[in-house]
């Protein structure tokens, strides 16, 4: 069933779906009265809704019943160096599917990307939304702007989380997390740039109490490491 996003989804009654979502429903899918769709608010709620009226770019919907959308087992924040080109959009899409709760790109000293323009950030956030619609999640992960590492750790709230850093040759993620899903609820995962961490960055992570973990013997790209780490930690 088709899924749409409406941040002010009511618990009952009627509401209007407009903007890009309304256009997609009315113009692309050519919805008609009586059609049913799923609508989620991005904060964890989802409802089965019925089309009452569909006009150019706007649809009137009735809430039929609340649903029980899927949720990851753990609250995972990913702090990742941002790869160049459209690889970051792919990373975001797949990490949302894998169970990430928020994504904080950070500007590493050896990174190929140290900023994101307004259009780039908009595309990144759109990738997260489209991934939610595709995979069945009702909680929309937050995608931050590119930040220096110290600021990224603050945004990740590492004081209240188990902080884990991808480090070749170290124990697997399961050992780094050290506990069943119900024992460790919030984790921040740090993925470094392809050029590796600098001594200053390593020192900053160590001071924050980071636990190193490995992802096997192969040398992985940033986006590959991010998806594997998020999935292992989230479920």
C-alpha atoms as a PDB file:
ATOM      1  CA  UNK A   1       0.000   0.000   0.000  1.00  0.00           C
ATOM      2  CA  UNK A   2       1.266   3.505  -0.850  1.00  0.00           C
ATOM      3  CA  UNK A   3       2.667   5.554   2.052  1.00  0.00           C
ATOM      4  CA  UNK A   4       2.673   9.320   2.495  1.00  0.00           C
ATOM      5  CA  UNK A   5       4.110  11.747   5.029  1.00  0.00           C
ATOM      6  CA  UNK A   6       2.102  14.380   6.908  1.00  0.00           C
ATOM      7  CA  UNK A   7       3.794  15.808   9.996  1.00  0.00           C
ATOM      8  CA  UNK A   8       0.468  16.907  11.541  1.00  0.00           C
ATOM      9  CA  UNK A   9      -1.394  13.620  11.106  1.00  0.00           C
ATOM     10  CA  UNK A  10      -4.500  13.750  13.353  1.00  0.00           C
ATOM     11  CA  UNK A  11      -5.560  10.798  15.492  1.00  0.00           C
ATOM     12  CA  UNK A  12      -9.097  10.974  14.027  1.00  0.00           C
ATOM     13  CA  UNK A  13     -11.195  12.958  11.548  1.00  0.00           C
ATOM     14  CA  UNK A  14     -10.236  14.565   8.236  1.00  0.00           C
ATOM     15  CA  UNK A  15      -7.121  16.368   7.070  1.00  0.00           C
ATOM     16  CA  UNK A  16      -5.638  17.789   3.877  1.00  0.00           C
ATOM     17  CA  UNK A  17      -2.612  16.339   2.098  1.00  0.00           C
ATOM     18  CA  UNK A  18      -0.963  18.964  -0.103  1.00  0.00           C
ATOM     19  CA  UNK A  19       2.505  19.994  -1.287  1.00  0.00           C
ATOM     20  CA  UNK A  20       4.684  17.346  -2.926  1.00  0.00           C
ATOM     21  CA  UNK A  21       2.816  14.533  -1.185  1.00  0.00           C
ATOM     22  CA  UNK A  22      -0.567  15.815  -2.325  1.00  0.00           C
ATOM     23  CA  UNK A  23       0.669  16.270  -5.879  1.00  0.00           C
ATOM     24  CA  UNK A  24       2.038  12.734  -5.969  1.00  0.00           C
ATOM     25  CA  UNK A  25      -1.255  11.286  -4.710  1.00  0.00           C
ATOM     26  CA  UNK A  26      -3.551  13.281  -6.999  1.00  0.00           C
ATOM     27  CA  UNK A  27      -1.518  13.817 -10.176  1.00  0.00           C
ATOM     28  CA  UNK A  28       0.851  10.834 -10.313  1.00  0.00           C
ATOM     29  CA  UNK A  29      -1.268   8.117  -8.714  1.00  0.00           C
ATOM     30  CA  UNK A  30      -4.577   9.724  -9.799  1.00  0.00           C
ATOM     31  CA  UNK A  31      -6.272   8.845  -6.512  1.00  0.00           C
ATOM     32  CA  UNK A  32     -10.037   8.657  -6.390  1.00  0.00           C
ATOM     33  CA  UNK A  33     -12.541   8.858  -3.498  1.00  0.00           C
ATOM     34  CA  UNK A  34     -12.559   5.541  -1.655  1.00  0.00           C
ATOM     35  CA  UNK A  35      -8.871   4.745  -2.280  1.00  0.00           C
ATOM     36  CA  UNK A  36      -6.897   3.856   0.846  1.00  0.00           C
ATOM     37  CA  UNK A  37      -3.325   4.843   1.719  1.00  0.00           C
ATOM     38  CA  UNK A  38      -1.046   4.810   4.748  1.00  0.00           C
ATOM     39  CA  UNK A  39       0.046   8.141   6.221  1.00  0.00           C
ATOM     40  CA  UNK A  40       2.818   8.605   8.825  1.00  0.00           C
ATOM     41  CA  UNK A  41       3.862  11.692  10.774  1.00  0.00           C
ATOM     42  CA  UNK A  42       7.621  11.084  11.046  1.00  0.00           C
ATOM     43  CA  UNK A  43       7.411  10.861  14.842  1.00  0.00           C
ATOM     44  CA  UNK A  44       6.337   7.214  15.026  1.00  0.00           C
ATOM     45  CA  UNK A  45       2.589   7.367  14.302  1.00  0.00           C
ATOM     46  CA  UNK A  46       0.919   5.900  11.237  1.00  0.00           C
ATOM     47  CA  UNK A  47      -2.722   5.514  10.155  1.00  0.00           C
ATOM     48  CA  UNK A  48      -4.759   3.896   7.435  1.00  0.00           C
ATOM     49  CA  UNK A  49      -6.563   6.714   5.623  1.00  0.00           C
ATOM     50  CA  UNK A  50      -9.281   6.888   2.975  1.00  0.00           C
ATOM     51  CA  UNK A  51      -9.448   9.466   0.184  1.00  0.00           C
ATOM     52  CA  UNK A  52     -12.597  11.611   0.483  1.00  0.00           C
ATOM     53  CA  UNK A  53     -11.810  14.048  -2.315  1.00  0.00           C
ATOM     54  CA  UNK A  54      -8.882  14.430  -4.732  1.00  0.00           C
ATOM     55  CA  UNK A  55      -8.330  17.600  -6.732  1.00  0.00           C
ATOM     56  CA  UNK A  56      -5.321  19.146  -8.441  1.00  0.00           C
ATOM     57  CA  UNK A  57      -2.378  18.887  -5.982  1.00  0.00           C
ATOM     58  CA  UNK A  58      -4.634  18.489  -2.903  1.00  0.00           C
ATOM     59  CA  UNK A  59      -6.412  15.512  -1.341  1.00  0.00           C
ATOM     60  CA  UNK A  60      -8.856  15.362   1.549  1.00  0.00           C
ATOM     61  CA  UNK A  61      -8.340  12.231   3.657  1.00  0.00           C
ATOM     62  CA  UNK A  62     -10.209  10.576   6.523  1.00  0.00           C
ATOM     63  CA  UNK A  63      -8.357   8.664   9.245  1.00  0.00           C
ATOM     64  CA  UNK A  64      -9.720   5.101   9.300  1.00  0.00           C
ATOM     65  CA  UNK A  65      -7.573   3.411  11.929  1.00  0.00           C
ATOM     66  CA  UNK A  66      -4.169   3.652  13.598  1.00  0.00           C
ATOM     67  CA  UNK A  67      -1.578   1.048  12.583  1.00  0.00           C
ATOM     68  CA  UNK A  68       1.473  -0.448  14.293  1.00  0.00           C
ATOM     69  CA  UNK A  69       4.503   0.554  12.199  1.00  0.00           C
ATOM     70  CA  UNK A  70       7.895  -1.120  12.510  1.00  0.00           C
ATOM     71  CA  UNK A  71      10.537   0.372  14.797  1.00  0.00           C
ATOM     72  CA  UNK A  72      14.246  -0.442  15.278  1.00  0.00           C
ATOM     73  CA  UNK A  73      15.192  -2.126  18.550  1.00  0.00           C
ATOM     74  CA  UNK A  74      17.755   0.523  19.486  1.00  0.00           C
ATOM     75  CA  UNK A  75      18.134   4.294  19.095  1.00  0.00           C
ATOM     76  CA  UNK A  76      21.116   4.639  16.741  1.00  0.00           C
ATOM     77  CA  UNK A  77      22.856   7.909  15.876  1.00  0.00           C
ATOM     78  CA  UNK A  78      25.368   7.708  13.044  1.00  0.00           C
ATOM     79  CA  UNK A  79      28.226  10.246  12.984  1.00  0.00           C
ATOM     80  CA  UNK A  80      29.825   9.756   9.604  1.00  0.00           C
ATOM     81  CA  UNK A  81      32.352  11.450   7.406  1.00  0.00           C
ATOM     82  CA  UNK A  82      30.427  12.393   4.271  1.00  0.00           C
ATOM     83  CA  UNK A  83      31.581  10.712   1.047  1.00  0.00           C
ATOM     84  CA  UNK A  84      31.644  12.742  -2.129  1.00  0.00           C
ATOM     85  CA  UNK A  85      28.993  12.886  -4.835  1.00  0.00           C
ATOM     86  CA  UNK A  86      25.712  11.005  -4.565  1.00  0.00           C
ATOM     87  CA  UNK A  87      27.243   8.319  -2.338  1.00  0.00           C
ATOM     88  CA  UNK A  88      25.967  10.251   0.709  1.00  0.00           C
ATOM     89  CA  UNK A  89      22.394  10.048  -0.562  1.00  0.00           C
ATOM     90  CA  UNK A  90      22.814   6.286  -0.979  1.00  0.00           C
ATOM     91  CA  UNK A  91      24.296   6.063   2.545  1.00  0.00           C
ATOM     92  CA  UNK A  92      21.326   7.903   4.034  1.00  0.00           C
ATOM     93  CA  UNK A  93      18.770   5.832   2.148  1.00  0.00           C
ATOM     94  CA  UNK A  94      20.270   2.501   3.170  1.00  0.00           C
ATOM     95  CA  UNK A  95      20.983   3.503   6.777  1.00  0.00           C
ATOM     96  CA  UNK A  96      17.350   4.565   7.203  1.00  0.00           C
ATOM     97  CA  UNK A  97      16.318   1.134   5.916  1.00  0.00           C
ATOM     98  CA  UNK A  98      18.866  -0.459   8.273  1.00  0.00           C
ATOM     99  CA  UNK A  99      17.394   1.285  11.341  1.00  0.00           C
ATOM    100  CA  UNK A 100      19.284   4.536  12.014  1.00  0.00           C
ATOM    101  CA  UNK A 101      17.557   7.179  14.175  1.00  0.00           C
ATOM    102  CA  UNK A 102      19.623  10.212  13.174  1.00  0.00           C
ATOM    103  CA  UNK A 103      22.560  10.971  10.888  1.00  0.00           C
ATOM    104  CA  UNK A 104      25.214  13.553  11.764  1.00  0.00           C
ATOM    105  CA  UNK A 105      27.720  14.132   8.925  1.00  0.00           C
ATOM    106  CA  UNK A 106      31.024  15.446  10.271  1.00  0.00           C
ATOM    107  CA  UNK A 107      33.848  17.334   8.584  1.00  0.00           C
ATOM    108  CA  UNK A 108      37.011  15.273   9.074  1.00  0.00           C
ATOM    109  CA  UNK A 109      40.419  16.841   8.520  1.00  0.00           C
ATOM    110  CA  UNK A 110      41.031  14.240   5.808  1.00  0.00           C
ATOM    111  CA  UNK A 111      37.501  14.305   4.439  1.00  0.00           C
ATOM    112  CA  UNK A 112      36.615  15.064   0.829  1.00  0.00           C
ATOM    113  CA  UNK A 113      33.540  17.037   1.997  1.00  0.00           C
ATOM    114  CA  UNK A 114      33.510  19.620   4.782  1.00  0.00           C
ATOM    115  CA  UNK A 115      30.198  21.367   4.042  1.00  0.00           C
ATOM    116  CA  UNK A 116      26.821  20.848   2.409  1.00  0.00           C
ATOM    117  CA  UNK A 117      24.890  23.511   0.525  1.00  0.00           C
ATOM    118  CA  UNK A 118      21.206  24.130   1.089  1.00  0.00           C
ATOM    119  CA  UNK A 119      20.250  22.115  -1.993  1.00  0.00           C
ATOM    120  CA  UNK A 120      22.462  19.206  -0.962  1.00  0.00           C
ATOM    121  CA  UNK A 121      21.028  19.096   2.544  1.00  0.00           C
ATOM    122  CA  UNK A 122      17.521  19.190   1.084  1.00  0.00           C
ATOM    123  CA  UNK A 123      18.322  16.171  -1.125  1.00  0.00           C
ATOM    124  CA  UNK A 124      19.788  14.292   1.843  1.00  0.00           C
ATOM    125  CA  UNK A 125      16.650  14.846   3.901  1.00  0.00           C
ATOM    126  CA  UNK A 126      14.464  13.888   0.962  1.00  0.00           C
ATOM    127  CA  UNK A 127      16.422  10.632   0.688  1.00  0.00           C
ATOM    128  CA  UNK A 128      15.618   9.882   4.332  1.00  0.00           C
ATOM    129  CA  UNK A 129      11.911  10.577   3.783  1.00  0.00           C
ATOM    130  CA  UNK A 130      11.688   8.423   0.648  1.00  0.00           C
ATOM    131  CA  UNK A 131      13.485   5.586   2.442  1.00  0.00           C
ATOM    132  CA  UNK A 132      10.943   5.767   5.303  1.00  0.00           C
ATOM    133  CA  UNK A 133       8.085   5.576   2.825  1.00  0.00           C
ATOM    134  CA  UNK A 134       9.647   2.578   1.107  1.00  0.00           C
ATOM    135  CA  UNK A 135      10.692   0.498   4.122  1.00  0.00           C
ATOM    136  CA  UNK A 136       7.622   0.971   6.338  1.00  0.00           C
ATOM    137  CA  UNK A 137       9.041   3.204   9.071  1.00  0.00           C
ATOM    138  CA  UNK A 138       6.895   5.907  10.659  1.00  0.00           C
ATOM    139  CA  UNK A 139       9.759   7.588  12.537  1.00  0.00           C
ATOM    140  CA  UNK A 140      11.670   9.929  10.220  1.00  0.00           C
ATOM    141  CA  UNK A 141      15.394  10.097  11.084  1.00  0.00           C
ATOM    142  CA  UNK A 142      16.918  13.551  11.509  1.00  0.00           C
ATOM    143  CA  UNK A 143      19.671  14.439   9.025  1.00  0.00           C
ATOM    144  CA  UNK A 144      21.957  17.205  10.324  1.00  0.00           C
ATOM    145  CA  UNK A 145      24.126  19.622   8.382  1.00  0.00           C
ATOM    146  CA  UNK A 146      27.862  18.839   8.190  1.00  0.00           C
ATOM    147  CA  UNK A 147      29.515  19.676  11.538  1.00  0.00           C
ATOM    148  CA  UNK A 148      33.026  19.633  13.039  1.00  0.00           C
ATOM    149  CA  UNK A 149      33.646  16.443  15.020  1.00  0.00           C
ATOM    150  CA  UNK A 150      33.313  18.092  18.451  1.00  0.00           C
ATOM    151  CA  UNK A 151      29.952  19.606  17.471  1.00  0.00           C
ATOM    152  CA  UNK A 152      28.824  16.339  15.864  1.00  0.00           C
ATOM    153  CA  UNK A 153      29.445  14.493  19.143  1.00  0.00           C
ATOM    154  CA  UNK A 154      27.355  17.083  20.987  1.00  0.00           C
ATOM    155  CA  UNK A 155      24.529  16.684  18.465  1.00  0.00           C
ATOM    156  CA  UNK A 156      24.760  12.908  18.914  1.00  0.00           C
ATOM    157  CA  UNK A 157      24.374  13.294  22.685  1.00  0.00           C
ATOM    158  CA  UNK A 158      27.300  10.969  23.368  1.00  0.00           C
ATOM    159  CA  UNK A 159      27.161  11.624  27.111  1.00  0.00           C
ATOM    160  CA  UNK A 160      23.974   9.545  27.260  1.00  0.00           C
ATOM    161  CA  UNK A 161      25.017   6.913  24.696  1.00  0.00           C
ATOM    162  CA  UNK A 162      27.447   4.080  24.157  1.00  0.00           C
ATOM    163  CA  UNK A 163      29.946   5.660  21.732  1.00  0.00           C
ATOM    164  CA  UNK A 164      31.491   3.234  19.241  1.00  0.00           C
ATOM    165  CA  UNK A 165      34.099   3.993  16.571  1.00  0.00           C
ATOM    166  CA  UNK A 166      34.754   1.828  13.511  1.00  0.00           C
ATOM    167  CA  UNK A 167      38.400   0.751  13.803  1.00  0.00           C
ATOM    168  CA  UNK A 168      40.048  -1.961  11.631  1.00  0.00           C
ATOM    169  CA  UNK A 169      41.254  -5.014  13.508  1.00  0.00           C
ATOM    170  CA  UNK A 170      39.115  -4.456  16.601  1.00  0.00           C
ATOM    171  CA  UNK A 171      36.382  -6.681  18.100  1.00  0.00           C
ATOM    172  CA  UNK A 172      33.049  -6.972  16.308  1.00  0.00           C
ATOM    173  CA  UNK A 173      30.193  -4.540  16.970  1.00  0.00           C
ATOM    174  CA  UNK A 174      28.399  -7.055  19.214  1.00  0.00           C
ATOM    175  CA  UNK A 175      31.359  -7.075  21.622  1.00  0.00           C
ATOM    176  CA  UNK A 176      31.722  -3.292  21.496  1.00  0.00           C
ATOM    177  CA  UNK A 177      28.091  -2.750  22.426  1.00  0.00           C
ATOM    178  CA  UNK A 178      28.428  -5.405  25.133  1.00  0.00           C
ATOM    179  CA  UNK A 179      24.872  -6.221  26.074  1.00  0.00           C
ATOM    180  CA  UNK A 180      21.482  -7.335  24.764  1.00  0.00           C
ATOM    181  CA  UNK A 181      19.242  -4.848  23.000  1.00  0.00           C
ATOM    182  CA  UNK A 182      17.255  -4.151  26.145  1.00  0.00           C
ATOM    183  CA  UNK A 183      20.436  -3.335  28.105  1.00  0.00           C
ATOM    184  CA  UNK A 184      21.973  -0.791  25.696  1.00  0.00           C
ATOM    185  CA  UNK A 185      19.216   1.355  24.230  1.00  0.00           C
ATOM    186  CA  UNK A 186      21.126   4.301  22.720  1.00  0.00           C
ATOM    187  CA  UNK A 187      24.297   4.096  20.643  1.00  0.00           C
ATOM    188  CA  UNK A 188      26.353   6.619  18.681  1.00  0.00           C
ATOM    189  CA  UNK A 189      28.439   5.109  15.878  1.00  0.00           C
ATOM    190  CA  UNK A 190      31.341   7.051  14.362  1.00  0.00           C
ATOM    191  CA  UNK A 191      32.585   6.271  10.856  1.00  0.00           C
ATOM    192  CA  UNK A 192      35.789   7.986   9.770  1.00  0.00           C
ATOM    193  CA  UNK A 193      36.938   9.287   6.366  1.00  0.00           C
ATOM    194  CA  UNK A 194      38.670   7.134   3.787  1.00  0.00           C
ATOM    195  CA  UNK A 195      41.948   8.826   4.732  1.00  0.00           C
ATOM    196  CA  UNK A 196      41.568   7.708   8.350  1.00  0.00           C
ATOM    197  CA  UNK A 197      41.340   9.628  11.625  1.00  0.00           C
ATOM    198  CA  UNK A 198      44.001  12.186  12.527  1.00  0.00           C
ATOM    199  CA  UNK A 199      45.706  11.944  15.948  1.00  0.00           C
ATOM    200  CA  UNK A 200      43.648  14.926  17.117  1.00  0.00           C
ATOM    201  CA  UNK A 201      40.385  13.268  16.109  1.00  0.00           C
ATOM    202  CA  UNK A 202      41.433  10.001  17.735  1.00  0.00           C
ATOM    203  CA  UNK A 203      42.227  11.884  20.938  1.00  0.00           C
ATOM    204  CA  UNK A 204      38.867  13.651  20.906  1.00  0.00           C
ATOM    205  CA  UNK A 205      37.022  10.358  20.490  1.00  0.00           C
ATOM    206  CA  UNK A 206      39.087   8.715  23.217  1.00  0.00           C
ATOM    207  CA  UNK A 207      38.316  11.544  25.621  1.00  0.00           C
ATOM    208  CA  UNK A 208      34.614  11.024  24.882  1.00  0.00           C
ATOM    209  CA  UNK A 209      34.893   7.374  25.953  1.00  0.00           C
ATOM    210  CA  UNK A 210      34.641   5.812  22.510  1.00  0.00           C
ATOM    211  CA  UNK A 211      34.807   2.021  22.208  1.00  0.00           C
ATOM    212  CA  UNK A 212      36.532   0.718  19.046  1.00  0.00           C
ATOM    213  CA  UNK A 213      34.858  -1.964  16.970  1.00  0.00           C
ATOM    214  CA  UNK A 214      35.644  -3.811  13.753  1.00  0.00           C
ATOM    215  CA  UNK A 215      33.585  -4.774  10.705  1.00  0.00           C
ATOM    216  CA  UNK A 216      35.603  -7.708   9.419  1.00  0.00           C
ATOM    217  CA  UNK A 217      38.912  -8.041   7.572  1.00  0.00           C
ATOM    218  CA  UNK A 218      38.006  -6.117   4.400  1.00  0.00           C
ATOM    219  CA  UNK A 219      38.701  -2.427   3.767  1.00  0.00           C
ATOM    220  CA  UNK A 220      35.229  -0.871   3.432  1.00  0.00           C
ATOM    221  CA  UNK A 221      34.042   2.351   1.873  1.00  0.00           C
ATOM    222  CA  UNK A 222      32.401   4.880   4.177  1.00  0.00           C
ATOM    223  CA  UNK A 223      28.865   4.071   3.039  1.00  0.00           C
ATOM    224  CA  UNK A 224      29.395   0.301   3.250  1.00  0.00           C
ATOM    225  CA  UNK A 225      30.784   0.535   6.785  1.00  0.00           C
ATOM    226  CA  UNK A 226      27.928   2.812   7.836  1.00  0.00           C
ATOM    227  CA  UNK A 227      25.155   0.501   6.629  1.00  0.00           C
ATOM    228  CA  UNK A 228      26.722  -2.627   8.131  1.00  0.00           C
ATOM    229  CA  UNK A 229      27.390  -0.956  11.479  1.00  0.00           C
ATOM    230  CA  UNK A 230      23.903   0.547  11.774  1.00  0.00           C
ATOM    231  CA  UNK A 231      22.168  -2.717  10.963  1.00  0.00           C
ATOM    232  CA  UNK A 232      24.269  -4.729  13.426  1.00  0.00           C
ATOM    233  CA  UNK A 233      23.607  -2.213  16.189  1.00  0.00           C
ATOM    234  CA  UNK A 234      19.932  -1.482  15.526  1.00  0.00           C
ATOM    235  CA  UNK A 235      18.629  -5.035  15.667  1.00  0.00           C
END
